[in-house]
Amino acid sequence: MISKQLSELGQGEAQALLQAVLNATADAIITTDAGGFISAYNTSAERIFGHSRAHMLGQPLDQLIPERYRAVHSVYVQQFAASSAARRKMSLGPVKGLHADGREIDLDATLSKVMVQQQQVLISHLSDITERLQAEAQFKRVQTQLTELTQKLLMQEKALVKRLSQELHDQLGQTLAAIRLAHETVVNLQGDQVPTGVSRLQAQMGQQISLAIRQVRQVLVGLRPPLLDEQGLAAALDNELRNRSLSRPNLDIALYVQPELAPTRYPTEVEYAAFMVMREALDNALKHAGATAISVRLSGSPALMHLVVSDNGTGLVSEPAPQTGHLGILGMHERAHAVGAFVSFEPMIPSGTKVAFVWKSPVAGASL
């Protein structure tokens, strides 16, 4: 349709129509002849480069390219002009342009060619992506800062938990043990000549002391993963699941560890993150999804960890409000991301959820 309209117009009118079409284009359109001199320059090119059309017509395209790139660009254009390709990206990444005020801009650039009156015409199609790249760079910087902050917070959490655990064990635990020993000694020294009321109170006191000791032990288990530092992830997983089985005898719970991974030690922060993600997945399955069967599987290699928790609960539903000490799905993602791993969530058939924690060593090749 356009070609028919052009054929019906005079040369001046055709050029005016063509320029109007070029000016309506959001991206810069610049055409050059075989010598590299500009023959067409639209309104968007004026906006992107800051040079007027009147100034640029007849000027070499090199004026819009930083000087250090001009020689390379000239070779590229010559190679493209001599090739059989009709259209080609100027680069896999952004191309540098030069604004009238001297600053460099980032461009997405495509070069094409057509024959006009038996003369080759090169057409540069340019999009200004400077602001987009700056926004992406800013986003990456913020993301890096957040990751570093998360890593720092998780390390502080681990150090705090370790210190609290140590103090509970060495101080409060030892104090309660001493109280129980003193209580038993007093009971033994009194013999049988004790009023019934006093004897009953002493028995209740003994029960309360034993309860307090058990509660401290439960807190210690919840704060610091047993065996994780000393024997590694496989042993810690086994101990955690055994304790869950004891507290929930009707729960069908299973652990599979790839045999050669049993003695494997991963980086300390990776083992801690994996264990805490597994514990959070267990809590979600038991407290929120009503699971009656859970399986935990550890596979991979020394350079790859693949930890999967599967349950038969109600499946992926909207996450409940986080409880103290449990950050839920967001916390699981953050823990994984902080050590260079990732967490995925998939629905099970007919019901349930599979939570996968995957870590790959950044310095060794590994494959799933």
Protein backbone atom coordinates (compact mmCIF):
# COMPACT_ATOMS: atom_id res chain seq x y z
CA MET A 1 0.00 0.00 0.00
CA ILE A 2 2.78 2.45 0.94
CA SER A 3 4.83 1.57 -2.13
CA LYS A 4 1.74 2.22 -4.32
CA GLN A 5 1.16 5.55 -2.61
CA LEU A 6 4.80 6.53 -3.12
CA SER A 7 4.63 5.62 -6.81
CA GLU A 8 1.68 7.93 -7.26
CA LEU A 9 3.45 10.90 -5.62
CA GLY A 10 6.10 13.20 -6.88
CA GLN A 11 9.66 12.88 -5.58
CA GLY A 12 9.29 15.72 -3.10
CA GLU A 13 5.98 14.48 -1.79
CA ALA A 14 7.33 10.91 -1.49
CA GLN A 15 10.29 12.11 0.53
CA ALA A 16 8.01 14.12 2.79
CA LEU A 17 5.78 11.10 3.38
CA LEU A 18 8.77 8.88 4.08
CA GLN A 19 10.16 11.41 6.56
CA ALA A 20 6.78 11.61 8.30
CA VAL A 21 6.74 7.83 8.68
CA LEU A 22 10.29 7.86 10.08
CA ASN A 23 9.42 10.66 12.51
CA ALA A 24 6.46 8.67 13.82
CA THR A 25 8.82 5.86 14.86
CA ALA A 26 9.74 5.80 18.55
CA ASP A 27 13.30 4.58 17.89
CA ALA A 28 16.08 6.36 16.04
CA ILE A 29 16.23 5.59 12.32
CA ILE A 30 19.39 6.74 10.55
CA THR A 31 20.32 5.89 6.98
CA THR A 32 23.77 6.22 5.44
CA ASP A 33 25.15 5.86 1.97
CA ALA A 34 28.08 3.67 0.93
CA GLY A 35 30.50 6.28 2.27
CA GLY A 36 28.95 6.31 5.73
CA PHE A 37 27.34 9.75 5.38
CA ILE A 38 23.89 10.32 6.86
CA SER A 39 21.04 10.67 4.37
CA ALA A 40 18.05 10.30 6.70
CA TYR A 41 17.71 11.20 10.37
CA ASN A 42 14.36 11.09 12.17
CA THR A 43 12.93 13.01 15.12
CA SER A 44 13.70 10.19 17.59
CA ALA A 45 17.35 10.33 16.53
CA GLU A 46 17.31 14.05 17.36
CA ARG A 47 15.91 13.26 20.80
CA ILE A 48 18.30 10.39 21.54
CA PHE A 49 21.54 11.98 20.28
CA GLY A 50 20.79 15.67 20.87
CA HIS A 51 21.79 16.73 17.33
CA SER A 52 19.29 18.33 14.97
CA ARG A 53 18.38 16.74 11.67
CA ALA A 54 19.62 19.77 9.78
CA HIS A 55 23.01 19.48 11.44
CA MET A 56 23.44 15.73 10.89
CA LEU A 57 22.32 15.33 7.25
CA GLY A 58 25.42 14.79 5.14
CA GLN A 59 27.64 14.27 8.19
CA PRO A 60 29.56 11.00 8.86
CA LEU A 61 27.86 8.56 11.19
CA ASP A 62 31.10 8.43 13.21
CA GLN A 63 30.02 11.65 14.95
CA LEU A 64 27.47 9.58 16.88
CA ILE A 65 30.02 6.98 18.01
CA PRO A 66 32.64 7.37 20.80
CA GLU A 67 36.07 7.77 19.20
CA ARG A 68 37.54 4.57 20.66
CA TYR A 69 34.86 2.49 18.90
CA ARG A 70 34.93 4.14 15.46
CA ALA A 71 37.55 1.93 13.83
CA VAL A 72 35.86 -1.27 15.00
CA HIS A 73 32.47 0.02 13.89
CA SER A 74 33.79 0.91 10.43
CA VAL A 75 35.16 -2.62 9.94
CA TYR A 76 31.88 -4.15 11.11
CA VAL A 77 29.82 -2.02 8.74
CA GLN A 78 32.08 -2.88 5.79
CA GLN A 79 31.80 -6.60 6.56
CA PHE A 80 28.03 -6.36 6.84
CA ALA A 81 27.74 -4.37 3.59
CA ALA A 82 29.73 -7.07 1.76
CA SER A 83 27.75 -9.95 3.28
CA SER A 84 24.58 -11.58 2.01
CA ALA A 85 22.69 -10.77 5.22
CA ALA A 86 19.89 -8.22 4.96
CA ARG A 87 19.62 -7.52 8.70
CA ARG A 88 21.93 -8.07 11.68
CA LYS A 89 22.30 -7.01 15.31
CA MET A 90 25.33 -4.76 15.76
CA SER A 91 26.27 -6.55 18.98
CA LEU A 92 25.05 -9.23 21.36
CA GLY A 93 25.01 -6.57 24.06
CA PRO A 94 24.46 -2.82 24.16
CA VAL A 95 26.27 -0.53 21.69
CA LYS A 96 27.79 2.76 22.83
CA GLY A 97 26.58 6.01 21.27
CA LEU A 98 27.78 9.59 21.76
CA HIS A 99 25.34 12.34 22.77
CA ALA A 100 25.80 15.92 21.65
CA ASP A 101 26.75 16.92 25.21
CA GLY A 102 29.62 14.42 25.25
CA ARG A 103 28.10 11.73 27.45
CA GLU A 104 27.94 8.14 26.30
CA ILE A 105 24.60 6.38 25.92
CA ASP A 106 23.70 2.70 25.63
CA LEU A 107 21.86 1.57 22.53
CA ASP A 108 20.19 -1.56 21.25
CA ALA A 109 21.25 -1.46 17.61
CA THR A 110 20.23 -3.31 14.45
CA LEU A 111 21.72 -2.73 11.00
CA SER A 112 19.90 -3.51 7.75
CA LYS A 113 20.45 -2.72 4.10
CA VAL A 114 18.34 -2.05 1.01
CA MET A 115 19.02 -1.12 -2.61
CA VAL A 116 17.68 2.28 -3.74
CA GLN A 117 18.23 3.16 -7.41
CA GLN A 118 20.95 0.52 -7.57
CA GLN A 119 22.75 2.09 -4.62
CA GLN A 120 23.17 0.33 -1.30
CA VAL A 121 21.64 2.16 1.66
CA LEU A 122 22.42 1.12 5.26
CA ILE A 123 19.72 1.64 7.87
CA SER A 124 20.56 1.87 11.59
CA HIS A 125 17.66 1.12 13.92
CA LEU A 126 18.57 2.33 17.43
CA SER A 127 16.79 2.15 20.79
CA ASP A 128 18.05 4.09 23.81
CA ILE A 129 18.36 1.59 26.67
CA THR A 130 20.55 3.74 28.94
CA GLU A 131 17.91 4.24 31.64
CA ARG A 132 16.89 0.58 31.54
CA LEU A 133 20.48 -0.59 32.00
CA GLN A 134 21.02 1.92 34.80
CA ALA A 135 17.86 0.67 36.53
CA GLU A 136 18.99 -2.93 36.12
CA ALA A 137 22.44 -2.09 37.51
CA GLN A 138 20.85 -0.29 40.47
CA PHE A 139 18.57 -3.26 41.08
CA LYS A 140 21.57 -5.63 41.04
CA ARG A 141 23.44 -3.39 43.49
CA VAL A 142 20.47 -3.32 45.85
CA GLN A 143 20.00 -7.06 45.47
CA THR A 144 23.68 -7.64 46.26
CA GLN A 145 23.44 -5.41 49.32
CA LEU A 146 20.33 -7.24 50.53
CA THR A 147 22.04 -10.59 50.00
CA GLU A 148 25.08 -9.44 51.97
CA LEU A 149 22.81 -8.13 54.74
CA THR A 150 20.90 -11.42 54.82
CA GLN A 151 24.15 -13.38 55.03
CA LYS A 152 25.32 -11.17 57.88
CA LEU A 153 22.01 -11.53 59.75
CA LEU A 154 21.99 -15.30 59.32
CA MET A 155 25.55 -15.58 60.57
CA GLN A 156 24.64 -13.40 63.55
CA GLU A 157 21.60 -15.58 64.14
CA LYS A 158 23.75 -18.70 64.12
CA ALA A 159 26.31 -17.15 66.48
CA LEU A 160 23.57 -15.92 68.83
CA VAL A 161 21.84 -19.29 68.84
CA LYS A 162 25.13 -21.02 69.56
CA ARG A 163 25.87 -18.67 72.45
CA LEU A 164 22.38 -19.00 73.91
CA SER A 165 22.55 -22.76 73.61
CA GLN A 166 25.91 -22.84 75.34
CA GLU A 167 24.69 -20.62 78.16
CA LEU A 168 21.49 -22.63 78.62
CA HIS A 169 23.47 -25.85 78.77
CA ASP A 170 26.40 -24.63 80.88
CA GLN A 171 24.55 -22.29 83.22
CA LEU A 172 20.81 -22.87 83.49
CA GLY A 173 21.12 -26.59 82.77
CA GLN A 174 23.86 -27.03 85.36
CA THR A 175 21.94 -24.93 87.89
CA LEU A 176 18.82 -27.09 87.48
CA ALA A 177 20.93 -30.23 87.81
CA ALA A 178 22.41 -28.90 91.04
CA ILE A 179 18.93 -28.01 92.36
CA ARG A 180 17.71 -31.53 91.62
CA LEU A 181 20.74 -33.04 93.35
CA ALA A 182 20.22 -30.81 96.41
CA HIS A 183 16.52 -31.68 96.50
CA GLU A 184 17.19 -35.41 96.32
CA THR A 185 19.82 -35.05 99.07
CA VAL A 186 17.37 -33.24 101.37
CA VAL A 187 14.72 -35.90 100.74
CA ASN A 188 17.17 -38.69 101.54
CA LEU A 189 18.41 -36.99 104.73
CA GLN A 190 14.88 -36.52 106.04
CA GLY A 191 14.14 -40.21 105.92
CA ASP A 192 10.63 -41.39 106.68
CA GLN A 193 9.90 -38.92 109.49
CA VAL A 194 8.28 -36.31 107.21
CA PRO A 195 4.71 -35.01 107.49
CA THR A 196 2.43 -36.15 104.71
CA GLY A 197 1.89 -32.61 103.46
CA VAL A 198 5.62 -31.89 103.28
CA SER A 199 6.29 -35.18 101.49
CA ARG A 200 3.64 -34.36 98.94
CA LEU A 201 5.14 -30.90 98.32
CA GLN A 202 8.61 -32.39 97.97
CA ALA A 203 7.32 -34.87 95.38
CA GLN A 204 5.68 -32.06 93.44
CA MET A 205 8.88 -30.04 93.62
CA GLY A 206 10.84 -32.98 92.26
CA GLN A 207 8.40 -33.29 89.37
CA GLN A 208 8.66 -29.59 88.58
CA ILE A 209 12.45 -29.73 88.61
CA SER A 210 12.43 -32.70 86.22
CA LEU A 211 9.94 -30.85 83.98
CA ALA A 212 12.14 -27.75 83.92
CA ILE A 213 15.16 -29.85 82.92
CA ARG A 214 13.19 -31.49 80.09
CA GLN A 215 11.96 -28.09 78.90
CA VAL A 216 15.50 -26.72 78.81
CA ARG A 217 16.59 -29.74 76.77
CA GLN A 218 13.71 -29.19 74.34
CA VAL A 219 14.66 -25.54 73.95
CA LEU A 220 18.26 -26.56 73.29
CA VAL A 221 17.14 -28.98 70.58
CA GLY A 222 14.99 -26.29 68.98
CA LEU A 223 17.75 -23.66 69.10
CA ARG A 224 20.78 -25.60 68.00
CA PRO A 225 20.57 -28.53 65.58
CA PRO A 226 22.10 -31.49 67.46
CA LEU A 227 25.05 -33.17 65.74
CA LEU A 228 25.16 -30.64 62.87
CA ASP A 229 28.48 -29.06 63.81
CA GLU A 230 30.07 -32.28 65.04
CA GLN A 231 28.87 -34.92 62.55
CA GLY A 232 27.32 -33.09 59.62
CA LEU A 233 24.00 -32.74 57.85
CA ALA A 234 23.10 -36.43 57.41
CA ALA A 235 23.49 -37.16 61.13
CA ALA A 236 21.59 -34.01 62.09
CA LEU A 237 18.70 -34.92 59.77
CA ASP A 238 18.52 -38.42 61.21
CA ASN A 239 18.50 -37.10 64.79
CA GLU A 240 15.82 -34.48 64.00
CA LEU A 241 13.49 -36.99 62.37
CA ARG A 242 13.96 -39.52 65.18
CA ASN A 243 12.94 -36.87 67.70
CA ARG A 244 9.90 -35.98 65.59
CA SER A 245 8.92 -39.66 65.49
CA LEU A 246 9.16 -39.94 69.27
CA SER A 247 6.93 -36.92 69.81
CA ARG A 248 4.46 -38.02 67.08
CA PRO A 249 4.21 -41.83 67.15
CA ASN A 250 1.42 -41.86 64.54
CA LEU A 251 3.47 -39.91 62.01
CA ASP A 252 4.87 -41.91 59.08
CA ILE A 253 8.29 -40.33 58.62
CA ALA A 254 11.21 -41.57 56.53
CA LEU A 255 14.75 -40.44 55.72
CA TYR A 256 16.81 -41.52 52.73
CA VAL A 257 20.46 -40.45 52.49
CA GLN A 258 22.48 -41.39 49.43
CA PRO A 259 25.03 -43.80 50.98
CA GLU A 260 28.17 -42.03 49.79
CA LEU A 261 26.86 -38.71 51.16
CA ALA A 262 26.55 -39.91 54.77
CA PRO A 263 30.09 -38.78 55.74
CA THR A 264 30.13 -35.78 53.37
CA ARG A 265 30.64 -32.36 54.89
CA TYR A 266 29.40 -29.29 53.04
CA PRO A 267 30.33 -25.70 53.93
CA THR A 268 29.12 -24.92 57.45
CA GLU A 269 26.76 -22.14 56.37
CA VAL A 270 25.25 -24.35 53.65
CA GLU A 271 24.56 -27.22 56.07
CA TYR A 272 22.97 -24.82 58.55
CA ALA A 273 20.75 -23.21 55.89
CA ALA A 274 19.68 -26.59 54.50
CA PHE A 275 18.85 -27.93 57.95
CA MET A 276 16.80 -24.86 58.90
CA VAL A 277 14.89 -24.99 55.60
CA MET A 278 14.15 -28.68 56.22
CA ARG A 279 12.97 -27.91 59.76
CA GLU A 280 10.71 -25.11 58.50
CA ALA A 281 9.26 -27.43 55.85
CA LEU A 282 8.53 -30.03 58.54
CA ASP A 283 6.83 -27.46 60.76
CA ASN A 284 4.69 -26.20 57.86
CA ALA A 285 3.67 -29.75 56.92
CA LEU A 286 2.75 -30.72 60.48
CA LYS A 287 1.28 -27.50 61.86
CA HIS A 288 -0.42 -26.01 58.82
CA ALA A 289 -0.92 -28.77 56.22
CA GLY A 290 -1.98 -31.58 58.58
CA ALA A 291 0.44 -34.08 57.04
CA THR A 292 0.45 -37.68 58.29
CA ALA A 293 3.41 -38.83 56.18
CA ILE A 294 6.68 -37.04 55.48
CA SER A 295 9.80 -38.14 53.65
CA VAL A 296 13.19 -36.42 53.55
CA ARG A 297 15.73 -37.27 50.85
CA LEU A 298 19.37 -36.13 50.65
CA SER A 299 21.17 -36.79 47.37
CA GLY A 300 23.80 -35.28 45.10
CA SER A 301 27.57 -35.19 45.43
CA PRO A 302 30.22 -33.34 47.46
CA ALA A 303 29.75 -30.43 45.04
CA LEU A 304 25.96 -30.64 44.86
CA MET A 305 23.29 -30.88 47.55
CA HIS A 306 19.71 -31.81 46.72
CA LEU A 307 17.55 -31.95 49.86
CA VAL A 308 13.86 -32.71 49.34
CA VAL A 309 11.04 -32.74 51.91
CA SER A 310 7.76 -34.28 50.69
CA ASP A 311 4.49 -34.55 52.59
CA ASN A 312 0.90 -35.67 52.03
CA GLY A 313 -0.72 -32.60 53.60
CA THR A 314 -3.26 -30.20 52.16
CA GLY A 315 -0.76 -28.85 49.67
CA LEU A 316 0.23 -25.35 48.67
CA VAL A 317 -2.23 -22.93 50.21
CA SER A 318 -1.95 -19.30 51.18
CA GLU A 319 0.73 -19.01 53.80
CA PRO A 320 -0.48 -18.38 57.36
CA ALA A 321 0.78 -15.47 59.37
CA PRO A 322 4.37 -16.16 60.44
CA GLN A 323 4.93 -17.27 64.00
CA THR A 324 7.77 -16.24 66.25
CA GLY A 325 10.95 -17.95 65.08
CA HIS A 326 9.36 -19.10 61.81
CA LEU A 327 9.65 -16.86 58.76
CA GLY A 328 7.80 -19.26 56.48
CA ILE A 329 8.32 -19.46 52.73
CA LEU A 330 10.00 -16.05 52.50
CA GLY A 331 12.50 -17.02 55.20
CA MET A 332 13.27 -20.29 53.41
CA HIS A 333 14.00 -18.41 50.19
CA GLU A 334 16.22 -15.92 52.01
CA ARG A 335 18.18 -18.62 53.83
CA ALA A 336 18.83 -20.44 50.57
CA HIS A 337 19.71 -17.33 48.58
CA ALA A 338 22.18 -16.19 51.23
CA VAL A 339 24.35 -19.30 50.67
CA GLY A 340 24.00 -19.43 46.89
CA ALA A 341 21.23 -22.04 46.86
CA PHE A 342 17.56 -21.95 45.88
CA VAL A 343 14.31 -23.39 47.20
CA SER A 344 11.41 -24.59 45.07
CA PHE A 345 7.86 -25.60 46.00
CA GLU A 346 5.80 -28.06 43.97
CA PRO A 347 2.38 -29.62 44.58
CA MET A 348 2.21 -33.38 45.03
CA ILE A 349 -0.42 -35.67 43.49
CA PRO A 350 -3.05 -36.30 44.81
CA SER A 351 -2.12 -33.95 47.67
CA GLY A 352 0.86 -32.62 49.51
CA THR A 353 3.90 -30.46 48.84
CA LYS A 354 7.49 -31.07 47.79
CA VAL A 355 10.07 -28.58 49.05
CA ALA A 356 13.49 -28.82 47.38
CA PHE A 357 16.67 -27.13 48.59
CA VAL A 358 19.39 -27.20 45.92
CA TRP A 359 22.96 -25.98 46.34
CA LYS A 360 25.76 -26.23 43.78
CA SER A 361 29.37 -25.49 44.59
CA PRO A 362 30.50 -22.34 42.77
CA VAL A 363 34.04 -23.74 42.33
CA ALA A 364 33.33 -27.26 41.06
CA GLY A 365 31.27 -28.65 38.22
CA ALA A 366 28.18 -30.58 39.20
CA SER A 367 24.98 -31.69 37.53
CA LEU A 368 21.64 -32.91 38.73
